Amino acid sequence: MLAQTRPGARGALLFHSAIPLSEFGGAWPKGVPLQIHMMDGDELALKEGDLDVARELAETIDSAELFLYPGDRHLFADSSLSSYDEAAATLLKQRVLSFLGSIST
């Protein structure tokens, strides 16, 4: 929400789900990069339509990237849960650190 509605946002990271742009005003701020990280077989994301929304965001926002990880776990990056996937979480962390490095001053 903040990246879409707060002036001066420098980037946004979405983990495990995605929300349609219409939820917070209908447009993505020009030049604000976005990364979305989800598992391609996440049943909750498929059931709720989040994966479709993530694909739409990646297709319609020039600065958006969608990273799909193999598997069916929802909160795969949370090491305190049984759904944790170490390999996917490690790759997610590398991509996020690179992203943050690219938008820092």
PDB file of N, CA and C in Angstrom:
ATOM      1  N   MET A   1       0.821  -1.184   0.000  1.00  0.00           N
ATOM      2  CA  MET A   1       0.000   0.000   0.000  1.00  0.00           C
ATOM      3  C   MET A   1       0.875   1.261   0.000  1.00  0.00           C
ATOM      4  N   LEU A   2       1.888   1.285   0.867  1.00  0.00           N
ATOM      5  CA  LEU A   2       2.700   2.498   0.960  1.00  0.00           C
ATOM      6  C   LEU A   2       3.430   2.811  -0.341  1.00  0.00           C
ATOM      7  N   ALA A   3       3.953   1.796  -1.004  1.00  0.00           N
ATOM      8  CA  ALA A   3       4.678   2.043  -2.255  1.00  0.00           C
ATOM      9  C   ALA A   3       3.756   2.640  -3.309  1.00  0.00           C
ATOM     10  N   GLN A   4       2.504   2.257  -3.284  1.00  0.00           N
ATOM     11  CA  GLN A   4       1.556   2.738  -4.286  1.00  0.00           C
ATOM     12  C   GLN A   4       0.954   4.091  -3.928  1.00  0.00           C
ATOM     13  N   THR A   5       0.884   4.419  -2.648  1.00  0.00           N
ATOM     14  CA  THR A   5       0.153   5.628  -2.243  1.00  0.00           C
ATOM     15  C   THR A   5       1.018   6.723  -1.628  1.00  0.00           C
ATOM     16  N   ARG A   6       2.230   6.395  -1.218  1.00  0.00           N
ATOM     17  CA  ARG A   6       3.077   7.380  -0.537  1.00  0.00           C
ATOM     18  C   ARG A   6       4.091   7.969  -1.505  1.00  0.00           C
ATOM     19  N   PRO A   7       4.048   9.259  -1.741  1.00  0.00           N
ATOM     20  CA  PRO A   7       5.049   9.877  -2.611  1.00  0.00           C
ATOM     21  C   PRO A   7       6.460   9.636  -2.076  1.00  0.00           C
ATOM     22  N   GLY A   8       7.370   9.382  -2.970  1.00  0.00           N
ATOM     23  CA  GLY A   8       8.758   9.174  -2.592  1.00  0.00           C
ATOM     24  C   GLY A   8       9.155   7.730  -2.374  1.00  0.00           C
ATOM     25  N   ALA A   9       8.230   6.808  -2.557  1.00  0.00           N
ATOM     26  CA  ALA A   9       8.578   5.390  -2.406  1.00  0.00           C
ATOM     27  C   ALA A   9       9.676   5.041  -3.401  1.00  0.00           C
ATOM     28  N   ARG A  10      10.622   4.223  -2.969  1.00  0.00           N
ATOM     29  CA  ARG A  10      11.770   3.890  -3.819  1.00  0.00           C
ATOM     30  C   ARG A  10      11.682   2.488  -4.394  1.00  0.00           C
ATOM     31  N   GLY A  11      10.771   1.663  -3.876  1.00  0.00           N
ATOM     32  CA  GLY A  11      10.620   0.310  -4.365  1.00  0.00           C
ATOM     33  C   GLY A  11       9.650  -0.461  -3.505  1.00  0.00           C
ATOM     34  N   ALA A  12       9.277  -1.656  -3.984  1.00  0.00           N
ATOM     35  CA  ALA A  12       8.355  -2.499  -3.228  1.00  0.00           C
ATOM     36  C   ALA A  12       8.715  -3.963  -3.423  1.00  0.00           C
ATOM     37  N   LEU A  13       8.547  -4.718  -2.358  1.00  0.00           N
ATOM     38  CA  LEU A  13       8.773  -6.158  -2.361  1.00  0.00           C
ATOM     39  C   LEU A  13       7.497  -6.833  -1.884  1.00  0.00           C
ATOM     40  N   LEU A  14       7.007  -7.785  -2.659  1.00  0.00           N
ATOM     41  CA  LEU A  14       5.836  -8.565  -2.267  1.00  0.00           C
ATOM     42  C   LEU A  14       6.263 -10.012  -2.127  1.00  0.00           C
ATOM     43  N   PHE A  15       5.973 -10.594  -0.976  1.00  0.00           N
ATOM     44  CA  PHE A  15       6.311 -11.987  -0.702  1.00  0.00           C
ATOM     45  C   PHE A  15       5.030 -12.797  -0.523  1.00  0.00           C
ATOM     46  N   HIS A  16       4.947 -13.911  -1.220  1.00  0.00           N
ATOM     47  CA  HIS A  16       3.910 -14.916  -1.016  1.00  0.00           C
ATOM     48  C   HIS A  16       2.531 -14.543  -1.547  1.00  0.00           C
ATOM     49  N   SER A  17       2.297 -13.317  -1.946  1.00  0.00           N
ATOM     50  CA  SER A  17       0.986 -12.928  -2.459  1.00  0.00           C
ATOM     51  C   SER A  17       1.104 -11.619  -3.235  1.00  0.00           C
ATOM     52  N   ALA A  18       0.004 -11.252  -3.867  1.00  0.00           N
ATOM     53  CA  ALA A  18      -0.050  -9.998  -4.613  1.00  0.00           C
ATOM     54  C   ALA A  18      -1.482  -9.464  -4.543  1.00  0.00           C
ATOM     55  N   ILE A  19      -1.611  -8.159  -4.595  1.00  0.00           N
ATOM     56  CA  ILE A  19      -2.907  -7.500  -4.475  1.00  0.00           C
ATOM     57  C   ILE A  19      -3.123  -6.651  -5.727  1.00  0.00           C
ATOM     58  N   PRO A  20      -4.336  -6.672  -6.290  1.00  0.00           N
ATOM     59  CA  PRO A  20      -4.605  -5.851  -7.478  1.00  0.00           C
ATOM     60  C   PRO A  20      -4.359  -4.370  -7.220  1.00  0.00           C
ATOM     61  N   LEU A  21      -3.928  -3.669  -8.232  1.00  0.00           N
ATOM     62  CA  LEU A  21      -3.681  -2.234  -8.109  1.00  0.00           C
ATOM     63  C   LEU A  21      -4.921  -1.472  -7.659  1.00  0.00           C
ATOM     64  N   SER A  22      -6.083  -1.952  -8.007  1.00  0.00           N
ATOM     65  CA  SER A  22      -7.332  -1.274  -7.653  1.00  0.00           C
ATOM     66  C   SER A  22      -7.553  -1.183  -6.139  1.00  0.00           C
ATOM     67  N   GLU A  23      -6.898  -2.025  -5.356  1.00  0.00           N
ATOM     68  CA  GLU A  23      -7.044  -1.990  -3.896  1.00  0.00           C
ATOM     69  C   GLU A  23      -6.602  -0.654  -3.307  1.00  0.00           C
ATOM     70  N   PHE A  24      -5.618  -0.019  -3.931  1.00  0.00           N
ATOM     71  CA  PHE A  24      -5.058   1.209  -3.356  1.00  0.00           C
ATOM     72  C   PHE A  24      -5.006   2.359  -4.348  1.00  0.00           C
ATOM     73  N   GLY A  25      -5.913   2.407  -5.293  1.00  0.00           N
ATOM     74  CA  GLY A  25      -5.988   3.567  -6.147  1.00  0.00           C
ATOM     75  C   GLY A  25      -5.891   3.326  -7.635  1.00  0.00           C
ATOM     76  N   GLY A  26      -5.505   2.151  -8.068  1.00  0.00           N
ATOM     77  CA  GLY A  26      -5.582   1.820  -9.476  1.00  0.00           C
ATOM     78  C   GLY A  26      -4.359   2.055 -10.329  1.00  0.00           C
ATOM     79  N   ALA A  27      -3.341   2.707  -9.836  1.00  0.00           N
ATOM     80  CA  ALA A  27      -2.161   2.951 -10.662  1.00  0.00           C
ATOM     81  C   ALA A  27      -0.900   2.684  -9.844  1.00  0.00           C
ATOM     82  N   TRP A  28       0.127   2.244 -10.543  1.00  0.00           N
ATOM     83  CA  TRP A  28       1.424   2.049  -9.901  1.00  0.00           C
ATOM     84  C   TRP A  28       2.262   3.290 -10.178  1.00  0.00           C
ATOM     85  N   PRO A  29       2.966   3.810  -9.189  1.00  0.00           N
ATOM     86  CA  PRO A  29       3.774   5.008  -9.416  1.00  0.00           C
ATOM     87  C   PRO A  29       4.881   4.765 -10.446  1.00  0.00           C
ATOM     88  N   LYS A  30       4.986   5.667 -11.357  1.00  0.00           N
ATOM     89  CA  LYS A  30       5.995   5.564 -12.404  1.00  0.00           C
ATOM     90  C   LYS A  30       7.399   5.550 -11.792  1.00  0.00           C
ATOM     91  N   GLY A  31       8.208   4.608 -12.258  1.00  0.00           N
ATOM     92  CA  GLY A  31       9.597   4.532 -11.842  1.00  0.00           C
ATOM     93  C   GLY A  31       9.841   3.829 -10.516  1.00  0.00           C
ATOM     94  N   VAL A  32       8.804   3.326  -9.869  1.00  0.00           N
ATOM     95  CA  VAL A  32       8.982   2.615  -8.597  1.00  0.00           C
ATOM     96  C   VAL A  32       9.104   1.121  -8.908  1.00  0.00           C
ATOM     97  N   PRO A  33      10.286   0.550  -8.697  1.00  0.00           N
ATOM     98  CA  PRO A  33      10.485  -0.859  -9.014  1.00  0.00           C
ATOM     99  C   PRO A  33       9.723  -1.766  -8.045  1.00  0.00           C
ATOM    100  N   LEU A  34       9.361  -2.933  -8.557  1.00  0.00           N
ATOM    101  CA  LEU A  34       8.578  -3.894  -7.797  1.00  0.00           C
ATOM    102  C   LEU A  34       9.132  -5.291  -8.035  1.00  0.00           C
ATOM    103  N   GLN A  35       9.287  -6.048  -6.970  1.00  0.00           N
ATOM    104  CA  GLN A  35       9.624  -7.467  -7.070  1.00  0.00           C
ATOM    105  C   GLN A  35       8.536  -8.253  -6.358  1.00  0.00           C
ATOM    106  N   ILE A  36       8.107  -9.349  -6.985  1.00  0.00           N
ATOM    107  CA  ILE A  36       7.115 -10.251  -6.401  1.00  0.00           C
ATOM    108  C   ILE A  36       7.753 -11.634  -6.335  1.00  0.00           C
ATOM    109  N   HIS A  37       7.647 -12.270  -5.170  1.00  0.00           N
ATOM    110  CA  HIS A  37       8.250 -13.583  -4.943  1.00  0.00           C
ATOM    111  C   HIS A  37       7.166 -14.549  -4.456  1.00  0.00           C
ATOM    112  N   MET A  38       6.933 -15.624  -5.225  1.00  0.00           N
ATOM    113  CA  MET A  38       5.911 -16.608  -4.878  1.00  0.00           C
ATOM    114  C   MET A  38       6.334 -17.981  -5.375  1.00  0.00           C
ATOM    115  N   MET A  39       5.729 -19.015  -4.823  1.00  0.00           N
ATOM    116  CA  MET A  39       5.922 -20.364  -5.360  1.00  0.00           C
ATOM    117  C   MET A  39       4.875 -20.612  -6.443  1.00  0.00           C
ATOM    118  N   ASP A  40       5.293 -21.272  -7.523  1.00  0.00           N
ATOM    119  CA  ASP A  40       4.401 -21.464  -8.666  1.00  0.00           C
ATOM    120  C   ASP A  40       3.234 -22.409  -8.401  1.00  0.00           C
ATOM    121  N   GLY A  41       3.335 -23.251  -7.381  1.00  0.00           N
ATOM    122  CA  GLY A  41       2.264 -24.182  -7.062  1.00  0.00           C
ATOM    123  C   GLY A  41       1.592 -23.906  -5.730  1.00  0.00           C
ATOM    124  N   ASP A  42       1.765 -22.718  -5.200  1.00  0.00           N
ATOM    125  CA  ASP A  42       1.174 -22.336  -3.915  1.00  0.00           C
ATOM    126  C   ASP A  42      -0.349 -22.399  -4.029  1.00  0.00           C
ATOM    127  N   GLU A  43      -0.962 -23.377  -3.374  1.00  0.00           N
ATOM    128  CA  GLU A  43      -2.402 -23.583  -3.501  1.00  0.00           C
ATOM    129  C   GLU A  43      -3.207 -22.381  -3.011  1.00  0.00           C
ATOM    130  N   LEU A  44      -2.770 -21.738  -1.940  1.00  0.00           N
ATOM    131  CA  LEU A  44      -3.484 -20.560  -1.444  1.00  0.00           C
ATOM    132  C   LEU A  44      -3.421 -19.420  -2.460  1.00  0.00           C
ATOM    133  N   ALA A  45      -2.245 -19.193  -3.026  1.00  0.00           N
ATOM    134  CA  ALA A  45      -2.087 -18.134  -4.027  1.00  0.00           C
ATOM    135  C   ALA A  45      -2.896 -18.441  -5.285  1.00  0.00           C
ATOM    136  N   LEU A  46      -2.976 -19.702  -5.641  1.00  0.00           N
ATOM    137  CA  LEU A  46      -3.767 -20.097  -6.812  1.00  0.00           C
ATOM    138  C   LEU A  46      -5.258 -19.934  -6.517  1.00  0.00           C
ATOM    139  N   LYS A  47      -5.683 -20.398  -5.360  1.00  0.00           N
ATOM    140  CA  LYS A  47      -7.093 -20.337  -4.970  1.00  0.00           C
ATOM    141  C   LYS A  47      -7.573 -18.897  -4.852  1.00  0.00           C
ATOM    142  N   GLU A  48      -6.778 -18.049  -4.253  1.00  0.00           N
ATOM    143  CA  GLU A  48      -7.166 -16.652  -4.025  1.00  0.00           C
ATOM    144  C   GLU A  48      -6.933 -15.761  -5.248  1.00  0.00           C
ATOM    145  N   GLY A  49      -6.288 -16.277  -6.269  1.00  0.00           N
ATOM    146  CA  GLY A  49      -6.029 -15.495  -7.477  1.00  0.00           C
ATOM    147  C   GLY A  49      -4.773 -14.655  -7.414  1.00  0.00           C
ATOM    148  N   ASP A  50      -3.992 -14.805  -6.350  1.00  0.00           N
ATOM    149  CA  ASP A  50      -2.781 -13.992  -6.196  1.00  0.00           C
ATOM    150  C   ASP A  50      -1.764 -14.224  -7.305  1.00  0.00           C
ATOM    151  N   LEU A  51      -1.651 -15.455  -7.756  1.00  0.00           N
ATOM    152  CA  LEU A  51      -0.678 -15.733  -8.809  1.00  0.00           C
ATOM    153  C   LEU A  51      -1.077 -15.040 -10.106  1.00  0.00           C
ATOM    154  N   ASP A  52      -2.365 -15.034 -10.415  1.00  0.00           N
ATOM    155  CA  ASP A  52      -2.844 -14.314 -11.603  1.00  0.00           C
ATOM    156  C   ASP A  52      -2.583 -12.814 -11.461  1.00  0.00           C
ATOM    157  N   VAL A  53      -2.831 -12.280 -10.286  1.00  0.00           N
ATOM    158  CA  VAL A  53      -2.582 -10.854 -10.035  1.00  0.00           C
ATOM    159  C   VAL A  53      -1.094 -10.546 -10.181  1.00  0.00           C
ATOM    160  N   ALA A  54      -0.255 -11.409  -9.638  1.00  0.00           N
ATOM    161  CA  ALA A  54       1.197 -11.203  -9.745  1.00  0.00           C
ATOM    162  C   ALA A  54       1.634 -11.186 -11.203  1.00  0.00           C
ATOM    163  N   ARG A  55       1.117 -12.096 -11.977  1.00  0.00           N
ATOM    164  CA  ARG A  55       1.464 -12.128 -13.412  1.00  0.00           C
ATOM    165  C   ARG A  55       0.994 -10.862 -14.121  1.00  0.00           C
ATOM    166  N   GLU A  56      -0.195 -10.404 -13.783  1.00  0.00           N
ATOM    167  CA  GLU A  56      -0.716  -9.173 -14.387  1.00  0.00           C
ATOM    168  C   GLU A  56       0.148  -7.967 -14.013  1.00  0.00           C
ATOM    169  N   LEU A  57       0.537  -7.873 -12.752  1.00  0.00           N
ATOM    170  CA  LEU A  57       1.401  -6.775 -12.323  1.00  0.00           C
ATOM    171  C   LEU A  57       2.730  -6.805 -13.079  1.00  0.00           C
ATOM    172  N   ALA A  58       3.302  -7.992 -13.210  1.00  0.00           N
ATOM    173  CA  ALA A  58       4.587  -8.118 -13.906  1.00  0.00           C
ATOM    174  C   ALA A  58       4.464  -7.740 -15.378  1.00  0.00           C
ATOM    175  N   GLU A  59       3.314  -8.000 -15.962  1.00  0.00           N
ATOM    176  CA  GLU A  59       3.108  -7.676 -17.381  1.00  0.00           C
ATOM    177  C   GLU A  59       2.788  -6.209 -17.619  1.00  0.00           C
ATOM    178  N   THR A  60       2.173  -5.552 -16.642  1.00  0.00           N
ATOM    179  CA  THR A  60       1.690  -4.188 -16.873  1.00  0.00           C
ATOM    180  C   THR A  60       2.550  -3.093 -16.249  1.00  0.00           C
ATOM    181  N   ILE A  61       3.420  -3.447 -15.319  1.00  0.00           N
ATOM    182  CA  ILE A  61       4.296  -2.456 -14.687  1.00  0.00           C
ATOM    183  C   ILE A  61       5.696  -2.644 -15.242  1.00  0.00           C
ATOM    184  N   ASP A  62       6.205  -1.618 -15.911  1.00  0.00           N
ATOM    185  CA  ASP A  62       7.515  -1.717 -16.562  1.00  0.00           C
ATOM    186  C   ASP A  62       8.627  -2.128 -15.612  1.00  0.00           C
ATOM    187  N   SER A  63       8.577  -1.646 -14.391  1.00  0.00           N
ATOM    188  CA  SER A  63       9.664  -1.892 -13.447  1.00  0.00           C
ATOM    189  C   SER A  63       9.410  -3.092 -12.538  1.00  0.00           C
ATOM    190  N   ALA A  64       8.452  -3.956 -12.895  1.00  0.00           N
ATOM    191  CA  ALA A  64       8.108  -5.106 -12.044  1.00  0.00           C
ATOM    192  C   ALA A  64       8.800  -6.376 -12.513  1.00  0.00           C
ATOM    193  N   GLU A  65       9.176  -7.190 -11.527  1.00  0.00           N
ATOM    194  CA  GLU A  65       9.747  -8.503 -11.789  1.00  0.00           C
ATOM    195  C   GLU A  65       8.980  -9.525 -10.955  1.00  0.00           C
ATOM    196  N   LEU A  66       8.640 -10.641 -11.566  1.00  0.00           N
ATOM    197  CA  LEU A  66       7.980 -11.735 -10.863  1.00  0.00           C
ATOM    198  C   LEU A  66       8.937 -12.913 -10.813  1.00  0.00           C
ATOM    199  N   PHE A  67       9.212 -13.368  -9.607  1.00  0.00           N
ATOM    200  CA  PHE A  67      10.065 -14.532  -9.407  1.00  0.00           C
ATOM    201  C   PHE A  67       9.200 -15.661  -8.865  1.00  0.00           C
ATOM    202  N   LEU A  68       9.097 -16.726  -9.648  1.00  0.00           N
ATOM    203  CA  LEU A  68       8.342 -17.904  -9.238  1.00  0.00           C
ATOM    204  C   LEU A  68       9.323 -19.008  -8.875  1.00  0.00           C
ATOM    205  N   TYR A  69       9.138 -19.559  -7.700  1.00  0.00           N
ATOM    206  CA  TYR A  69       9.994 -20.614  -7.191  1.00  0.00           C
ATOM    207  C   TYR A  69       9.249 -21.936  -7.319  1.00  0.00           C
ATOM    208  N   PRO A  70       9.949 -23.013  -7.636  1.00  0.00           N
ATOM    209  CA  PRO A  70       9.259 -24.301  -7.749  1.00  0.00           C
ATOM    210  C   PRO A  70       8.783 -24.778  -6.374  1.00  0.00           C
ATOM    211  N   GLY A  71       7.553 -25.201  -6.315  1.00  0.00           N
ATOM    212  CA  GLY A  71       7.023 -25.721  -5.065  1.00  0.00           C
ATOM    213  C   GLY A  71       5.596 -25.287  -4.828  1.00  0.00           C
ATOM    214  N   ASP A  72       5.054 -25.761  -3.710  1.00  0.00           N
ATOM    215  CA  ASP A  72       3.651 -25.486  -3.408  1.00  0.00           C
ATOM    216  C   ASP A  72       3.444 -24.886  -2.018  1.00  0.00           C
ATOM    217  N   ARG A  73       4.487 -24.362  -1.442  1.00  0.00           N
ATOM    218  CA  ARG A  73       4.399 -23.812  -0.087  1.00  0.00           C
ATOM    219  C   ARG A  73       4.032 -22.336  -0.124  1.00  0.00           C
ATOM    220  N   HIS A  74       3.282 -21.903   0.880  1.00  0.00           N
ATOM    221  CA  HIS A  74       2.849 -20.502   0.893  1.00  0.00           C
ATOM    222  C   HIS A  74       3.899 -19.603   1.549  1.00  0.00           C
ATOM    223  N   LEU A  75       4.130 -19.718   2.800  1.00  0.00           N
ATOM    224  CA  LEU A  75       5.085 -18.846   3.497  1.00  0.00           C
ATOM    225  C   LEU A  75       6.468 -19.495   3.518  1.00  0.00           C
ATOM    226  N   PHE A  76       6.988 -19.753   2.336  1.00  0.00           N
ATOM    227  CA  PHE A  76       8.215 -20.547   2.191  1.00  0.00           C
ATOM    228  C   PHE A  76       9.475 -19.861   2.708  1.00  0.00           C
ATOM    229  N   ALA A  77       9.439 -18.562   2.923  1.00  0.00           N
ATOM    230  CA  ALA A  77      10.639 -17.849   3.369  1.00  0.00           C
ATOM    231  C   ALA A  77      10.682 -17.651   4.877  1.00  0.00           C
ATOM    232  N   ASP A  78       9.676 -18.125   5.580  1.00  0.00           N
ATOM    233  CA  ASP A  78       9.619 -17.971   7.032  1.00  0.00           C
ATOM    234  C   ASP A  78      10.206 -19.212   7.699  1.00  0.00           C
ATOM    235  N   SER A  79      11.404 -19.076   8.225  1.00  0.00           N
ATOM    236  CA  SER A  79      12.119 -20.223   8.782  1.00  0.00           C
ATOM    237  C   SER A  79      11.481 -20.779  10.059  1.00  0.00           C
ATOM    238  N   SER A  80      10.532 -20.079  10.630  1.00  0.00           N
ATOM    239  CA  SER A  80       9.872 -20.578  11.837  1.00  0.00           C
ATOM    240  C   SER A  80       8.693 -21.500  11.526  1.00  0.00           C
ATOM    241  N   LEU A  81       8.381 -21.669  10.246  1.00  0.00           N
ATOM    242  CA  LEU A  81       7.224 -22.476   9.851  1.00  0.00           C
ATOM    243  C   LEU A  81       7.643 -23.770   9.168  1.00  0.00           C
ATOM    244  N   SER A  82       6.764 -24.747   9.192  1.00  0.00           N
ATOM    245  CA  SER A  82       7.045 -26.020   8.519  1.00  0.00           C
ATOM    246  C   SER A  82       7.048 -25.869   7.001  1.00  0.00           C
ATOM    247  N   SER A  83       6.480 -24.793   6.479  1.00  0.00           N
ATOM    248  CA  SER A  83       6.457 -24.557   5.030  1.00  0.00           C
ATOM    249  C   SER A  83       7.764 -23.945   4.511  1.00  0.00           C
ATOM    250  N   TYR A  84       8.712 -23.713   5.398  1.00  0.00           N
ATOM    251  CA  TYR A  84       9.999 -23.119   5.016  1.00  0.00           C
ATOM    252  C   TYR A  84      10.713 -23.984   3.984  1.00  0.00           C
ATOM    253  N   ASP A  85      11.226 -23.327   2.961  1.00  0.00           N
ATOM    254  CA  ASP A  85      12.016 -23.982   1.926  1.00  0.00           C
ATOM    255  C   ASP A  85      13.358 -23.259   1.867  1.00  0.00           C
ATOM    256  N   GLU A  86      14.384 -23.887   2.396  1.00  0.00           N
ATOM    257  CA  GLU A  86      15.680 -23.223   2.538  1.00  0.00           C
ATOM    258  C   GLU A  86      16.261 -22.778   1.202  1.00  0.00           C
ATOM    259  N   ALA A  87      16.197 -23.622   0.191  1.00  0.00           N
ATOM    260  CA  ALA A  87      16.776 -23.263  -1.112  1.00  0.00           C
ATOM    261  C   ALA A  87      16.053 -22.062  -1.720  1.00  0.00           C
ATOM    262  N   ALA A  88      14.738 -22.093  -1.699  1.00  0.00           N
ATOM    263  CA  ALA A  88      13.964 -20.980  -2.263  1.00  0.00           C
ATOM    264  C   ALA A  88      14.174 -19.711  -1.438  1.00  0.00           C
ATOM    265  N   ALA A  89      14.198 -19.845  -0.121  1.00  0.00           N
ATOM    266  CA  ALA A  89      14.393 -18.679   0.744  1.00  0.00           C
ATOM    267  C   ALA A  89      15.773 -18.058   0.542  1.00  0.00           C
ATOM    268  N   THR A  90      16.768 -18.883   0.337  1.00  0.00           N
ATOM    269  CA  THR A  90      18.122 -18.382   0.097  1.00  0.00           C
ATOM    270  C   THR A  90      18.176 -17.592  -1.208  1.00  0.00           C
ATOM    271  N   LEU A  91      17.567 -18.125  -2.254  1.00  0.00           N
ATOM    272  CA  LEU A  91      17.537 -17.423  -3.540  1.00  0.00           C
ATOM    273  C   LEU A  91      16.733 -16.124  -3.422  1.00  0.00           C
ATOM    274  N   LEU A  92      15.606 -16.174  -2.719  1.00  0.00           N
ATOM    275  CA  LEU A  92      14.812 -14.971  -2.490  1.00  0.00           C
ATOM    276  C   LEU A  92      15.664 -13.907  -1.802  1.00  0.00           C
ATOM    277  N   LYS A  93      16.388 -14.299  -0.768  1.00  0.00           N
ATOM    278  CA  LYS A  93      17.229 -13.350  -0.025  1.00  0.00           C
ATOM    279  C   LYS A  93      18.277 -12.717  -0.933  1.00  0.00           C
ATOM    280  N   GLN A  94      18.917 -13.504  -1.777  1.00  0.00           N
ATOM    281  CA  GLN A  94      19.919 -12.968  -2.704  1.00  0.00           C
ATOM    282  C   GLN A  94      19.292 -11.939  -3.639  1.00  0.00           C
ATOM    283  N   ARG A  95      18.120 -12.272  -4.166  1.00  0.00           N
ATOM    284  CA  ARG A  95      17.442 -11.360  -5.094  1.00  0.00           C
ATOM    285  C   ARG A  95      16.999 -10.083  -4.401  1.00  0.00           C
ATOM    286  N   VAL A  96      16.511 -10.208  -3.179  1.00  0.00           N
ATOM    287  CA  VAL A  96      16.072  -9.032  -2.422  1.00  0.00           C
ATOM    288  C   VAL A  96      17.260  -8.128  -2.095  1.00  0.00           C
ATOM    289  N   LEU A  97      18.357  -8.704  -1.660  1.00  0.00           N
ATOM    290  CA  LEU A  97      19.535  -7.886  -1.349  1.00  0.00           C
ATOM    291  C   LEU A  97      20.040  -7.160  -2.590  1.00  0.00           C
ATOM    292  N   SER A  98      20.021  -7.826  -3.725  1.00  0.00           N
ATOM    293  CA  SER A  98      20.413  -7.185  -4.982  1.00  0.00           C
ATOM    294  C   SER A  98      19.458  -6.031  -5.320  1.00  0.00           C
ATOM    295  N   PHE A  99      18.180  -6.281  -5.162  1.00  0.00           N
ATOM    296  CA  PHE A  99      17.167  -5.269  -5.413  1.00  0.00           C
ATOM    297  C   PHE A  99      17.383  -4.054  -4.510  1.00  0.00           C
ATOM    298  N   LEU A 100      17.563  -4.306  -3.224  1.00  0.00           N
ATOM    299  CA  LEU A 100      17.770  -3.201  -2.279  1.00  0.00           C
ATOM    300  C   LEU A 100      19.049  -2.437  -2.593  1.00  0.00           C
ATOM    301  N   GLY A 101      20.083  -3.144  -3.011  1.00  0.00           N
ATOM    302  CA  GLY A 101      21.314  -2.479  -3.409  1.00  0.00           C
ATOM    303  C   GLY A 101      21.142  -1.599  -4.629  1.00  0.00           C
ATOM    304  N   SER A 102      20.240  -1.992  -5.514  1.00  0.00           N
ATOM    305  CA  SER A 102      20.025  -1.225  -6.739  1.00  0.00           C
ATOM    306  C   SER A 102      19.201   0.037  -6.514  1.00  0.00           C
ATOM    307  N   ILE A 103      18.459   0.095  -5.407  1.00  0.00           N
ATOM    308  CA  ILE A 103      17.640   1.285  -5.164  1.00  0.00           C
ATOM    309  C   ILE A 103      18.179   2.166  -4.044  1.00  0.00           C
ATOM    310  N   SER A 104      19.281   1.741  -3.410  1.00  0.00           N
ATOM    311  CA  SER A 104      19.837   2.556  -2.319  1.00  0.00           C
ATOM    312  C   SER A 104      20.691   3.683  -2.880  1.00  0.00           C
ATOM    313  N   THR A 105      20.880   4.680  -2.064  1.00  0.00           N
ATOM    314  CA  THR A 105      21.661   5.844  -2.524  1.00  0.00           C
ATOM    315  C   THR A 105      23.100   5.718  -2.128  1.00  0.00           C
TER     316      THR A 105
END
